């Protein structure tokens, strides 16, 4: 089932699959495989709690697909796929984690019952600045004076069933799939290849991909599902075109601004140059006039027989200049 670059993808895009197909318990194995490869541990999904991905019309936010699942360890895992650029996306990650934390805390429970939250963001744009395509973030506390790491006590580890402070706070994974170079070096890369290209190669062996290879074929879709899927692709194409147009307009505006700035700078430079030249010319003319006046005064004083030292002091000329003028006159 190898594909040529000119062929259409034979598998459904993951964002649409997670919105329509992966909510079924029969397909949990696909999501479990993806999360297991990402977290480097076996994940077992118990249930899907809520979602904002059940959008049906073009007026809905087609660029966001959220799914919140609970695993066998009672962890809350948010999976969100973002197709279009959002400058404040980091804040959305924070909001989603905070919302899940607060909404799944029962009234009257001790704080030790706060659910562990993990967010997984699959983004199809260059979020922030960074060369990698998989990022992980957690919360650590370091001493400001001794630079030590704040850790849990033995009693806290036993009570909370956590090995470190960072495992209490939300953890975050960001997959910038468009930064991936299509070379699968490990099992997680095989998943990222699928996320980017909607293709599962025959030699891919990552957890969940074998099941995805069979269940996420486009030929398995009903006519109604195929129509909805094609509409979803059209929406993505439209969003990509709008973003491309926005970038082009921005670049055009920058070029226009640079050209106008250069023209204005040249005009200002010419005006400043003319003003500076006139000022220098006036200064040079005045200096030359003062020098000629001093020489004329020196000639008159020499004719009167005044001493050269006194003439130099009176006119501001150097003594050598006065002596040279005296030799010429004699």
C-alpha atoms as a PDB file:
ATOM      1  CA  UNK A   1       0.000   0.000   0.000  1.00  0.00           C
ATOM      2  CA  UNK A   2       2.784   2.388  -0.876  1.00  0.00           C
ATOM      3  CA  UNK A   3       1.735   5.780  -2.175  1.00  0.00           C
ATOM      4  CA  UNK A   4       3.131   8.033  -4.816  1.00  0.00           C
ATOM      5  CA  UNK A   5       3.230  11.692  -3.992  1.00  0.00           C
ATOM      6  CA  UNK A   6       0.633  12.369  -6.678  1.00  0.00           C
ATOM      7  CA  UNK A   7      -1.837   9.835  -5.221  1.00  0.00           C
ATOM      8  CA  UNK A   8      -4.586  10.855  -2.854  1.00  0.00           C
ATOM      9  CA  UNK A   9      -4.139   9.714   0.777  1.00  0.00           C
ATOM     10  CA  UNK A  10      -5.772   6.334   1.336  1.00  0.00           C
ATOM     11  CA  UNK A  11      -6.446   7.034   5.011  1.00  0.00           C
ATOM     12  CA  UNK A  12      -8.653   9.526   6.794  1.00  0.00           C
ATOM     13  CA  UNK A  13      -7.050  12.551   8.409  1.00  0.00           C
ATOM     14  CA  UNK A  14      -6.560  12.012  12.128  1.00  0.00           C
ATOM     15  CA  UNK A  15      -8.421  15.205  13.086  1.00  0.00           C
ATOM     16  CA  UNK A  16     -11.584  13.999  11.333  1.00  0.00           C
ATOM     17  CA  UNK A  17     -11.151  10.442  12.592  1.00  0.00           C
ATOM     18  CA  UNK A  18     -10.878  11.584  16.199  1.00  0.00           C
ATOM     19  CA  UNK A  19     -13.991  13.681  15.671  1.00  0.00           C
ATOM     20  CA  UNK A  20     -16.109  10.950  14.104  1.00  0.00           C
ATOM     21  CA  UNK A  21     -14.670   7.451  14.475  1.00  0.00           C
ATOM     22  CA  UNK A  22     -12.354   7.209  17.454  1.00  0.00           C
ATOM     23  CA  UNK A  23     -15.079   7.969  20.015  1.00  0.00           C
ATOM     24  CA  UNK A  24     -16.304   4.439  19.624  1.00  0.00           C
ATOM     25  CA  UNK A  25     -14.995   2.062  22.286  1.00  0.00           C
ATOM     26  CA  UNK A  26     -14.267  -0.412  19.511  1.00  0.00           C
ATOM     27  CA  UNK A  27     -11.656   2.011  18.183  1.00  0.00           C
ATOM     28  CA  UNK A  28     -10.033   2.960  21.509  1.00  0.00           C
ATOM     29  CA  UNK A  29      -7.013   0.862  20.529  1.00  0.00           C
ATOM     30  CA  UNK A  30      -5.978   3.450  17.953  1.00  0.00           C
ATOM     31  CA  UNK A  31      -5.939   6.304  20.464  1.00  0.00           C
ATOM     32  CA  UNK A  32      -4.330   4.092  23.080  1.00  0.00           C
ATOM     33  CA  UNK A  33      -1.543   3.225  20.661  1.00  0.00           C
ATOM     34  CA  UNK A  34      -0.888   6.875  19.829  1.00  0.00           C
ATOM     35  CA  UNK A  35      -0.797   7.942  23.491  1.00  0.00           C
ATOM     36  CA  UNK A  36       1.336   4.944  24.507  1.00  0.00           C
ATOM     37  CA  UNK A  37       3.987   5.810  21.907  1.00  0.00           C
ATOM     38  CA  UNK A  38       3.941   9.463  22.956  1.00  0.00           C
ATOM     39  CA  UNK A  39       4.025   8.876  26.739  1.00  0.00           C
ATOM     40  CA  UNK A  40       6.412   5.884  26.493  1.00  0.00           C
ATOM     41  CA  UNK A  41       4.103   3.782  28.671  1.00  0.00           C
ATOM     42  CA  UNK A  42       1.034   1.641  28.097  1.00  0.00           C
ATOM     43  CA  UNK A  43      -2.155   3.729  28.180  1.00  0.00           C
ATOM     44  CA  UNK A  44      -5.600   2.200  28.646  1.00  0.00           C
ATOM     45  CA  UNK A  45      -8.578   4.454  27.890  1.00  0.00           C
ATOM     46  CA  UNK A  46     -11.575   3.880  30.136  1.00  0.00           C
ATOM     47  CA  UNK A  47     -14.006   6.446  28.745  1.00  0.00           C
ATOM     48  CA  UNK A  48     -14.445   9.630  26.757  1.00  0.00           C
ATOM     49  CA  UNK A  49     -15.720  12.342  29.099  1.00  0.00           C
ATOM     50  CA  UNK A  50     -16.561  15.265  26.866  1.00  0.00           C
ATOM     51  CA  UNK A  51     -15.664  16.949  23.616  1.00  0.00           C
ATOM     52  CA  UNK A  52     -16.074  20.154  21.709  1.00  0.00           C
ATOM     53  CA  UNK A  53     -15.358  18.427  18.418  1.00  0.00           C
ATOM     54  CA  UNK A  54     -18.915  17.437  17.482  1.00  0.00           C
ATOM     55  CA  UNK A  55     -19.264  20.269  14.971  1.00  0.00           C
ATOM     56  CA  UNK A  56     -21.528  19.678  12.029  1.00  0.00           C
ATOM     57  CA  UNK A  57     -21.852  22.924  10.062  1.00  0.00           C
ATOM     58  CA  UNK A  58     -19.478  25.242   8.236  1.00  0.00           C
ATOM     59  CA  UNK A  59     -20.266  27.951  10.773  1.00  0.00           C
ATOM     60  CA  UNK A  60     -18.756  25.805  13.528  1.00  0.00           C
ATOM     61  CA  UNK A  61     -15.084  26.004  14.459  1.00  0.00           C
ATOM     62  CA  UNK A  62     -13.744  23.441  12.003  1.00  0.00           C
ATOM     63  CA  UNK A  63     -10.198  24.269  13.034  1.00  0.00           C
ATOM     64  CA  UNK A  64     -10.483  22.773  16.518  1.00  0.00           C
ATOM     65  CA  UNK A  65     -11.034  19.205  17.634  1.00  0.00           C
ATOM     66  CA  UNK A  66     -10.954  18.506  21.384  1.00  0.00           C
ATOM     67  CA  UNK A  67     -11.409  15.180  23.065  1.00  0.00           C
ATOM     68  CA  UNK A  68     -11.104  14.520  26.787  1.00  0.00           C
ATOM     69  CA  UNK A  69     -10.504  10.944  27.894  1.00  0.00           C
ATOM     70  CA  UNK A  70      -9.887   9.242  31.231  1.00  0.00           C
ATOM     71  CA  UNK A  71      -7.350   6.446  31.445  1.00  0.00           C
ATOM     72  CA  UNK A  72      -7.034   3.522  33.830  1.00  0.00           C
ATOM     73  CA  UNK A  73      -5.078   5.632  36.326  1.00  0.00           C
ATOM     74  CA  UNK A  74      -7.825   8.274  36.455  1.00  0.00           C
ATOM     75  CA  UNK A  75      -5.667  10.715  34.474  1.00  0.00           C
ATOM     76  CA  UNK A  76      -7.485  13.235  32.276  1.00  0.00           C
ATOM     77  CA  UNK A  77      -5.962  13.473  28.799  1.00  0.00           C
ATOM     78  CA  UNK A  78      -6.948  16.321  26.481  1.00  0.00           C
ATOM     79  CA  UNK A  79      -6.173  15.800  22.802  1.00  0.00           C
ATOM     80  CA  UNK A  80      -6.576  18.877  20.649  1.00  0.00           C
ATOM     81  CA  UNK A  81      -5.799  19.255  16.974  1.00  0.00           C
ATOM     82  CA  UNK A  82      -5.274  22.759  15.604  1.00  0.00           C
ATOM     83  CA  UNK A  83      -5.117  23.259  11.850  1.00  0.00           C
ATOM     84  CA  UNK A  84      -4.959  27.045  11.625  1.00  0.00           C
ATOM     85  CA  UNK A  85      -2.682  29.582  13.262  1.00  0.00           C
ATOM     86  CA  UNK A  86      -3.624  31.033  16.642  1.00  0.00           C
ATOM     87  CA  UNK A  87      -1.150  33.437  18.223  1.00  0.00           C
ATOM     88  CA  UNK A  88      -2.605  32.861  21.693  1.00  0.00           C
ATOM     89  CA  UNK A  89      -2.613  29.072  21.431  1.00  0.00           C
ATOM     90  CA  UNK A  90      -0.346  28.654  24.468  1.00  0.00           C
ATOM     91  CA  UNK A  91      -3.032  30.369  26.534  1.00  0.00           C
ATOM     92  CA  UNK A  92      -5.641  27.990  25.133  1.00  0.00           C
ATOM     93  CA  UNK A  93      -3.541  25.050  26.368  1.00  0.00           C
ATOM     94  CA  UNK A  94      -3.411  26.652  29.816  1.00  0.00           C
ATOM     95  CA  UNK A  95      -7.154  27.337  29.803  1.00  0.00           C
ATOM     96  CA  UNK A  96      -8.065  23.795  28.755  1.00  0.00           C
ATOM     97  CA  UNK A  97      -5.869  22.265  31.462  1.00  0.00           C
ATOM     98  CA  UNK A  98      -7.228  24.617  34.126  1.00  0.00           C
ATOM     99  CA  UNK A  99     -10.812  24.000  33.060  1.00  0.00           C
ATOM    100  CA  UNK A 100     -10.418  20.217  33.183  1.00  0.00           C
ATOM    101  CA  UNK A 101      -8.731  20.451  36.592  1.00  0.00           C
ATOM    102  CA  UNK A 102     -11.504  22.539  38.173  1.00  0.00           C
ATOM    103  CA  UNK A 103     -14.511  20.885  36.522  1.00  0.00           C
ATOM    104  CA  UNK A 104     -13.536  17.361  37.545  1.00  0.00           C
ATOM    105  CA  UNK A 105     -13.099  18.172  41.225  1.00  0.00           C
ATOM    106  CA  UNK A 106     -16.078  17.227  43.359  1.00  0.00           C
ATOM    107  CA  UNK A 107     -17.322  19.657  45.993  1.00  0.00           C
ATOM    108  CA  UNK A 108     -15.974  18.968  49.462  1.00  0.00           C
ATOM    109  CA  UNK A 109     -13.129  16.729  48.276  1.00  0.00           C
ATOM    110  CA  UNK A 110      -9.598  17.324  49.625  1.00  0.00           C
ATOM    111  CA  UNK A 111      -7.106  18.876  47.233  1.00  0.00           C
ATOM    112  CA  UNK A 112      -5.244  15.582  47.043  1.00  0.00           C
ATOM    113  CA  UNK A 113      -8.117  14.357  44.850  1.00  0.00           C
ATOM    114  CA  UNK A 114      -7.356  16.860  42.085  1.00  0.00           C
ATOM    115  CA  UNK A 115      -7.120  14.927  38.811  1.00  0.00           C
ATOM    116  CA  UNK A 116      -3.871  14.678  36.929  1.00  0.00           C
ATOM    117  CA  UNK A 117      -4.249  16.473  33.570  1.00  0.00           C
ATOM    118  CA  UNK A 118      -2.161  15.885  30.442  1.00  0.00           C
ATOM    119  CA  UNK A 119      -2.656  17.944  27.284  1.00  0.00           C
ATOM    120  CA  UNK A 120      -1.642  16.737  23.827  1.00  0.00           C
ATOM    121  CA  UNK A 121      -1.664  19.405  21.127  1.00  0.00           C
ATOM    122  CA  UNK A 122      -1.208  18.414  17.490  1.00  0.00           C
ATOM    123  CA  UNK A 123      -0.634  21.646  15.578  1.00  0.00           C
ATOM    124  CA  UNK A 124      -0.282  22.162  11.844  1.00  0.00           C
ATOM    125  CA  UNK A 125       1.468  25.530  12.027  1.00  0.00           C
ATOM    126  CA  UNK A 126       4.748  26.846  13.449  1.00  0.00           C
ATOM    127  CA  UNK A 127       3.836  27.515  17.073  1.00  0.00           C
ATOM    128  CA  UNK A 128       6.370  29.752  18.791  1.00  0.00           C
ATOM    129  CA  UNK A 129      10.060  29.469  17.948  1.00  0.00           C
ATOM    130  CA  UNK A 130      11.833  26.129  17.958  1.00  0.00           C
ATOM    131  CA  UNK A 131      13.365  23.632  15.535  1.00  0.00           C
ATOM    132  CA  UNK A 132      12.018  20.399  17.036  1.00  0.00           C
ATOM    133  CA  UNK A 133       8.674  18.819  16.189  1.00  0.00           C
ATOM    134  CA  UNK A 134       7.874  17.230  19.579  1.00  0.00           C
ATOM    135  CA  UNK A 135       7.985  19.261  22.800  1.00  0.00           C
ATOM    136  CA  UNK A 136       7.251  18.300  26.405  1.00  0.00           C
ATOM    137  CA  UNK A 137       6.608  20.618  29.337  1.00  0.00           C
ATOM    138  CA  UNK A 138       5.971  20.151  33.053  1.00  0.00           C
ATOM    139  CA  UNK A 139       6.271  22.071  36.332  1.00  0.00           C
ATOM    140  CA  UNK A 140       9.384  21.934  38.501  1.00  0.00           C
ATOM    141  CA  UNK A 141      10.419  23.995  41.517  1.00  0.00           C
ATOM    142  CA  UNK A 142      14.087  24.958  41.915  1.00  0.00           C
ATOM    143  CA  UNK A 143      15.699  26.734  44.858  1.00  0.00           C
ATOM    144  CA  UNK A 144      16.622  30.346  44.234  1.00  0.00           C
ATOM    145  CA  UNK A 145      19.617  30.163  46.575  1.00  0.00           C
ATOM    146  CA  UNK A 146      20.827  26.546  46.635  1.00  0.00           C
ATOM    147  CA  UNK A 147      19.499  25.544  43.179  1.00  0.00           C
ATOM    148  CA  UNK A 148      18.085  22.300  44.594  1.00  0.00           C
ATOM    149  CA  UNK A 149      14.913  20.608  43.317  1.00  0.00           C
ATOM    150  CA  UNK A 150      11.832  20.617  45.573  1.00  0.00           C
ATOM    151  CA  UNK A 151      10.658  17.014  45.914  1.00  0.00           C
ATOM    152  CA  UNK A 152       7.942  15.047  47.666  1.00  0.00           C
ATOM    153  CA  UNK A 153       8.571  13.451  51.041  1.00  0.00           C
ATOM    154  CA  UNK A 154       8.269   9.695  51.445  1.00  0.00           C
ATOM    155  CA  UNK A 155       4.874  10.136  53.120  1.00  0.00           C
ATOM    156  CA  UNK A 156       3.619  12.363  50.298  1.00  0.00           C
ATOM    157  CA  UNK A 157       4.766   9.886  47.644  1.00  0.00           C
ATOM    158  CA  UNK A 158       2.799   7.150  49.381  1.00  0.00           C
ATOM    159  CA  UNK A 159      -0.280   9.321  49.940  1.00  0.00           C
ATOM    160  CA  UNK A 160      -0.447  10.931  46.498  1.00  0.00           C
ATOM    161  CA  UNK A 161       0.901   7.940  44.561  1.00  0.00           C
ATOM    162  CA  UNK A 162       3.280  10.269  42.758  1.00  0.00           C
ATOM    163  CA  UNK A 163       7.059  10.083  42.487  1.00  0.00           C
ATOM    164  CA  UNK A 164       7.718  13.798  42.032  1.00  0.00           C
ATOM    165  CA  UNK A 165       6.112  17.215  42.427  1.00  0.00           C
ATOM    166  CA  UNK A 166       6.007  17.635  38.647  1.00  0.00           C
ATOM    167  CA  UNK A 167       3.710  14.606  38.363  1.00  0.00           C
ATOM    168  CA  UNK A 168       1.059  16.448  40.392  1.00  0.00           C
ATOM    169  CA  UNK A 169       0.839  19.384  37.992  1.00  0.00           C
ATOM    170  CA  UNK A 170      -0.402  19.265  34.383  1.00  0.00           C
ATOM    171  CA  UNK A 171       1.986  17.984  31.729  1.00  0.00           C
ATOM    172  CA  UNK A 172       1.942  19.175  28.149  1.00  0.00           C
ATOM    173  CA  UNK A 173       2.946  17.676  24.800  1.00  0.00           C
ATOM    174  CA  UNK A 174       3.091  19.746  21.610  1.00  0.00           C
ATOM    175  CA  UNK A 175       3.543  18.048  18.226  1.00  0.00           C
ATOM    176  CA  UNK A 176       4.425  20.485  15.430  1.00  0.00           C
ATOM    177  CA  UNK A 177       3.800  17.993  12.645  1.00  0.00           C
ATOM    178  CA  UNK A 178       4.630  20.353   9.773  1.00  0.00           C
ATOM    179  CA  UNK A 179       8.197  20.576  11.105  1.00  0.00           C
ATOM    180  CA  UNK A 180       8.633  16.810  10.661  1.00  0.00           C
ATOM    181  CA  UNK A 181      10.935  15.884   7.740  1.00  0.00           C
ATOM    182  CA  UNK A 182       9.030  12.670   6.841  1.00  0.00           C
ATOM    183  CA  UNK A 183      11.887  10.408   7.959  1.00  0.00           C
ATOM    184  CA  UNK A 184      10.507   7.974  10.553  1.00  0.00           C
ATOM    185  CA  UNK A 185      13.360   7.021  12.899  1.00  0.00           C
ATOM    186  CA  UNK A 186      11.240   5.455  15.645  1.00  0.00           C
ATOM    187  CA  UNK A 187       7.689   4.392  16.426  1.00  0.00           C
ATOM    188  CA  UNK A 188       6.579   7.888  17.500  1.00  0.00           C
ATOM    189  CA  UNK A 189       7.871   9.247  14.191  1.00  0.00           C
ATOM    190  CA  UNK A 190       5.679   6.685  12.413  1.00  0.00           C
ATOM    191  CA  UNK A 191       2.658   8.207  14.138  1.00  0.00           C
ATOM    192  CA  UNK A 192       3.765  11.734  13.293  1.00  0.00           C
ATOM    193  CA  UNK A 193       4.232  10.691   9.664  1.00  0.00           C
ATOM    194  CA  UNK A 194       0.621   9.506   9.665  1.00  0.00           C
ATOM    195  CA  UNK A 195      -0.574  12.713  11.352  1.00  0.00           C
ATOM    196  CA  UNK A 196       1.158  14.790   8.683  1.00  0.00           C
ATOM    197  CA  UNK A 197       0.514  12.729   5.541  1.00  0.00           C
ATOM    198  CA  UNK A 198      -2.582  10.604   6.285  1.00  0.00           C
ATOM    199  CA  UNK A 199      -0.557   7.583   5.166  1.00  0.00           C
ATOM    200  CA  UNK A 200       0.446   4.442   7.052  1.00  0.00           C
ATOM    201  CA  UNK A 201       3.295   2.605   5.348  1.00  0.00           C
ATOM    202  CA  UNK A 202       3.394  -1.175   5.257  1.00  0.00           C
ATOM    203  CA  UNK A 203       6.536  -1.373   7.414  1.00  0.00           C
ATOM    204  CA  UNK A 204       5.179   0.872  10.202  1.00  0.00           C
ATOM    205  CA  UNK A 205       4.866  -1.093  13.444  1.00  0.00           C
ATOM    206  CA  UNK A 206       3.984   1.542  16.062  1.00  0.00           C
ATOM    207  CA  UNK A 207       1.235   0.671  18.535  1.00  0.00           C
ATOM    208  CA  UNK A 208      -2.221   1.443  17.177  1.00  0.00           C
ATOM    209  CA  UNK A 209      -1.165   1.902  13.551  1.00  0.00           C
ATOM    210  CA  UNK A 210      -2.020  -1.639  12.482  1.00  0.00           C
ATOM    211  CA  UNK A 211      -5.565  -1.090  13.697  1.00  0.00           C
ATOM    212  CA  UNK A 212      -5.648   2.389  12.162  1.00  0.00           C
ATOM    213  CA  UNK A 213      -4.402   0.994   8.851  1.00  0.00           C
ATOM    214  CA  UNK A 214      -7.563  -1.105   8.558  1.00  0.00           C
ATOM    215  CA  UNK A 215     -10.197   1.026  10.279  1.00  0.00           C
ATOM    216  CA  UNK A 216      -9.253   4.460   8.948  1.00  0.00           C
ATOM    217  CA  UNK A 217      -9.315   3.687   5.228  1.00  0.00           C
ATOM    218  CA  UNK A 218     -11.317   6.187   3.208  1.00  0.00           C
ATOM    219  CA  UNK A 219     -13.001   3.304   1.365  1.00  0.00           C
ATOM    220  CA  UNK A 220     -14.622   2.248   4.644  1.00  0.00           C
ATOM    221  CA  UNK A 221     -16.667   5.454   4.829  1.00  0.00           C
ATOM    222  CA  UNK A 222     -20.353   5.472   4.008  1.00  0.00           C
ATOM    223  CA  UNK A 223     -21.637   7.932   1.391  1.00  0.00           C
ATOM    224  CA  UNK A 224     -22.786  10.301   4.114  1.00  0.00           C
ATOM    225  CA  UNK A 225     -19.473  10.072   5.973  1.00  0.00           C
ATOM    226  CA  UNK A 226     -17.506  10.521   2.742  1.00  0.00           C
ATOM    227  CA  UNK A 227     -19.504  13.647   1.908  1.00  0.00           C
ATOM    228  CA  UNK A 228     -18.871  15.077   5.401  1.00  0.00           C
ATOM    229  CA  UNK A 229     -15.189  14.202   5.183  1.00  0.00           C
ATOM    230  CA  UNK A 230     -14.777  15.905   1.803  1.00  0.00           C
ATOM    231  CA  UNK A 231     -16.501  18.985   3.172  1.00  0.00           C
ATOM    232  CA  UNK A 232     -14.052  18.972   6.076  1.00  0.00           C
ATOM    233  CA  UNK A 233     -11.135  18.876   3.617  1.00  0.00           C
ATOM    234  CA  UNK A 234     -12.655  21.772   1.671  1.00  0.00           C
ATOM    235  CA  UNK A 235     -12.870  23.770   4.899  1.00  0.00           C
ATOM    236  CA  UNK A 236      -9.205  23.087   5.601  1.00  0.00           C
ATOM    237  CA  UNK A 237      -8.223  24.127   2.073  1.00  0.00           C
ATOM    238  CA  UNK A 238     -10.197  27.339   2.499  1.00  0.00           C
ATOM    239  CA  UNK A 239      -8.558  28.051   5.858  1.00  0.00           C
ATOM    240  CA  UNK A 240      -5.105  27.396   4.375  1.00  0.00           C
ATOM    241  CA  UNK A 241      -5.841  29.736   1.458  1.00  0.00           C
ATOM    242  CA  UNK A 242      -6.995  32.497   3.791  1.00  0.00           C
ATOM    243  CA  UNK A 243      -3.875  32.120   5.905  1.00  0.00           C
ATOM    244  CA  UNK A 244      -1.665  32.149   2.790  1.00  0.00           C
ATOM    245  CA  UNK A 245      -3.421  35.289   1.568  1.00  0.00           C
ATOM    246  CA  UNK A 246      -2.947  36.921   4.976  1.00  0.00           C
ATOM    247  CA  UNK A 247       0.767  36.119   4.939  1.00  0.00           C
ATOM    248  CA  UNK A 248       1.100  37.460   1.381  1.00  0.00           C
ATOM    249  CA  UNK A 249      -0.649  40.689   2.319  1.00  0.00           C
ATOM    250  CA  UNK A 250       1.580  41.048   5.358  1.00  0.00           C
ATOM    251  CA  UNK A 251       4.725  40.512   3.266  1.00  0.00           C
ATOM    252  CA  UNK A 252       3.455  42.956   0.638  1.00  0.00           C
ATOM    253  CA  UNK A 253       2.718  45.549   3.314  1.00  0.00           C
ATOM    254  CA  UNK A 254       6.217  45.098   4.777  1.00  0.00           C
ATOM    255  CA  UNK A 255       7.842  45.524   1.351  1.00  0.00           C
ATOM    256  CA  UNK A 256       5.753  48.614   0.659  1.00  0.00           C
ATOM    257  CA  UNK A 257       6.658  50.032   4.055  1.00  0.00           C
ATOM    258  CA  UNK A 258      10.362  49.377   3.459  1.00  0.00           C
ATOM    259  CA  UNK A 259      10.231  51.042   0.031  1.00  0.00           C
ATOM    260  CA  UNK A 260       8.410  54.074   1.404  1.00  0.00           C
ATOM    261  CA  UNK A 261      10.833  54.230   4.313  1.00  0.00           C
ATOM    262  CA  UNK A 262      13.846  54.132   1.992  1.00  0.00           C
ATOM    263  CA  UNK A 263      12.392  56.858  -0.221  1.00  0.00           C
ATOM    264  CA  UNK A 264      11.615  59.010   2.783  1.00  0.00           C
ATOM    265  CA  UNK A 265      15.062  58.359   4.207  1.00  0.00           C
ATOM    266  CA  UNK A 266      16.744  59.330   0.922  1.00  0.00           C
ATOM    267  CA  UNK A 267      14.682  62.506   0.710  1.00  0.00           C
ATOM    268  CA  UNK A 268      15.537  63.400   4.272  1.00  0.00           C
ATOM    269  CA  UNK A 269      19.156  62.528   3.620  1.00  0.00           C
ATOM    270  CA  UNK A 270      19.305  64.831   0.587  1.00  0.00           C
ATOM    271  CA  UNK A 271      17.708  67.664   2.543  1.00  0.00           C
ATOM    272  CA  UNK A 272      20.040  67.135   5.485  1.00  0.00           C
ATOM    273  CA  UNK A 273      23.018  66.934   3.124  1.00  0.00           C
ATOM    274  CA  UNK A 274      22.111  70.211   1.435  1.00  0.00           C
ATOM    275  CA  UNK A 275      21.606  71.937   4.775  1.00  0.00           C
ATOM    276  CA  UNK A 276      24.877  70.542   6.099  1.00  0.00           C
ATOM    277  CA  UNK A 277      26.715  71.588   2.939  1.00  0.00           C
ATOM    278  CA  UNK A 278      25.369  75.127   3.141  1.00  0.00           C
ATOM    279  CA  UNK A 279      26.312  75.357   6.796  1.00  0.00           C
ATOM    280  CA  UNK A 280      29.825  74.068   6.095  1.00  0.00           C
ATOM    281  CA  UNK A 281      30.144  76.488   3.180  1.00  0.00           C
ATOM    282  CA  UNK A 282      29.137  79.427   5.324  1.00  0.00           C
ATOM    283  CA  UNK A 283      31.535  78.367   8.064  1.00  0.00           C
ATOM    284  CA  UNK A 284      34.414  77.954   5.589  1.00  0.00           C
ATOM    285  CA  UNK A 285      33.619  81.323   3.997  1.00  0.00           C
ATOM    286  CA  UNK A 286      33.547  83.095   7.328  1.00  0.00           C
ATOM    287  CA  UNK A 287      36.817  81.477   8.367  1.00  0.00           C
ATOM    288  CA  UNK A 288      38.464  82.471   5.117  1.00  0.00           C
ATOM    289  CA  UNK A 289      37.196  86.001   5.484  1.00  0.00           C
ATOM    290  CA  UNK A 290      38.583  86.258   9.017  1.00  0.00           C
ATOM    291  CA  UNK A 291      41.965  84.984   7.793  1.00  0.00           C
ATOM    292  CA  UNK A 292      42.144  87.528   4.968  1.00  0.00           C
ATOM    293  CA  UNK A 293      41.179  90.316   7.367  1.00  0.00           C
ATOM    294  CA  UNK A 294      43.943  89.213   9.784  1.00  0.00           C
ATOM    295  CA  UNK A 295      46.510  89.227   6.961  1.00  0.00           C
ATOM    296  CA  UNK A 296      45.457  92.707   5.856  1.00  0.00           C
ATOM    297  CA  UNK A 297      45.754  94.020   9.427  1.00  0.00           C
ATOM    298  CA  UNK A 298      49.171  92.376   9.750  1.00  0.00           C
ATOM    299  CA  UNK A 299      50.395  94.100   6.562  1.00  0.00           C
ATOM    300  CA  UNK A 300      49.314  97.497   7.879  1.00  0.00           C
ATOM    301  CA  UNK A 301      51.008  96.947  11.248  1.00  0.00           C
ATOM    302  CA  UNK A 302      54.222  95.764   9.558  1.00  0.00           C
ATOM    303  CA  UNK A 303      54.219  98.932   7.476  1.00  0.00           C
ATOM    304  CA  UNK A 304      54.017 100.889  10.726  1.00  0.00           C
ATOM    305  CA  UNK A 305      57.093  99.009  12.049  1.00  0.00           C
ATOM    306  CA  UNK A 306      55.283  97.108  14.768  1.00  0.00           C
ATOM    307  CA  UNK A 307      57.129  94.088  16.242  1.00  0.00           C
ATOM    308  CA  UNK A 308      56.116  90.682  14.739  1.00  0.00           C
ATOM    309  CA  UNK A 309      55.378  89.191  18.181  1.00  0.00           C
ATOM    310  CA  UNK A 310      52.883  91.939  18.933  1.00  0.00           C
ATOM    311  CA  UNK A 311      51.299  91.608  15.468  1.00  0.00           C
ATOM    312  CA  UNK A 312      50.822  87.843  15.978  1.00  0.00           C
ATOM    313  CA  UNK A 313      49.071  88.465  19.302  1.00  0.00           C
ATOM    314  CA  UNK A 314      46.912  91.214  17.879  1.00  0.00           C
ATOM    315  CA  UNK A 315      45.737  89.320  14.755  1.00  0.00           C
ATOM    316  CA  UNK A 316      45.681  85.722  16.009  1.00  0.00           C
ATOM    317  CA  UNK A 317      48.098  84.670  13.290  1.00  0.00           C
ATOM    318  CA  UNK A 318      51.044  82.424  13.995  1.00  0.00           C
ATOM    319  CA  UNK A 319      54.402  84.197  14.414  1.00  0.00           C
ATOM    320  CA  UNK A 320      55.794  82.206  11.489  1.00  0.00           C
ATOM    321  CA  UNK A 321      52.954  83.494   9.272  1.00  0.00           C
ATOM    322  CA  UNK A 322      53.670  87.089  10.278  1.00  0.00           C
ATOM    323  CA  UNK A 323      57.423  86.666   9.691  1.00  0.00           C
ATOM    324  CA  UNK A 324      56.743  85.106   6.279  1.00  0.00           C
ATOM    325  CA  UNK A 325      54.465  88.047   5.395  1.00  0.00           C
ATOM    326  CA  UNK A 326      57.148  90.503   6.557  1.00  0.00           C
ATOM    327  CA  UNK A 327      59.792  88.914   4.299  1.00  0.00           C
ATOM    328  CA  UNK A 328      57.456  89.248   1.311  1.00  0.00           C
ATOM    329  CA  UNK A 329      56.751  92.892   1.978  1.00  0.00           C
ATOM    330  CA  UNK A 330      60.492  93.704   2.339  1.00  0.00           C
END
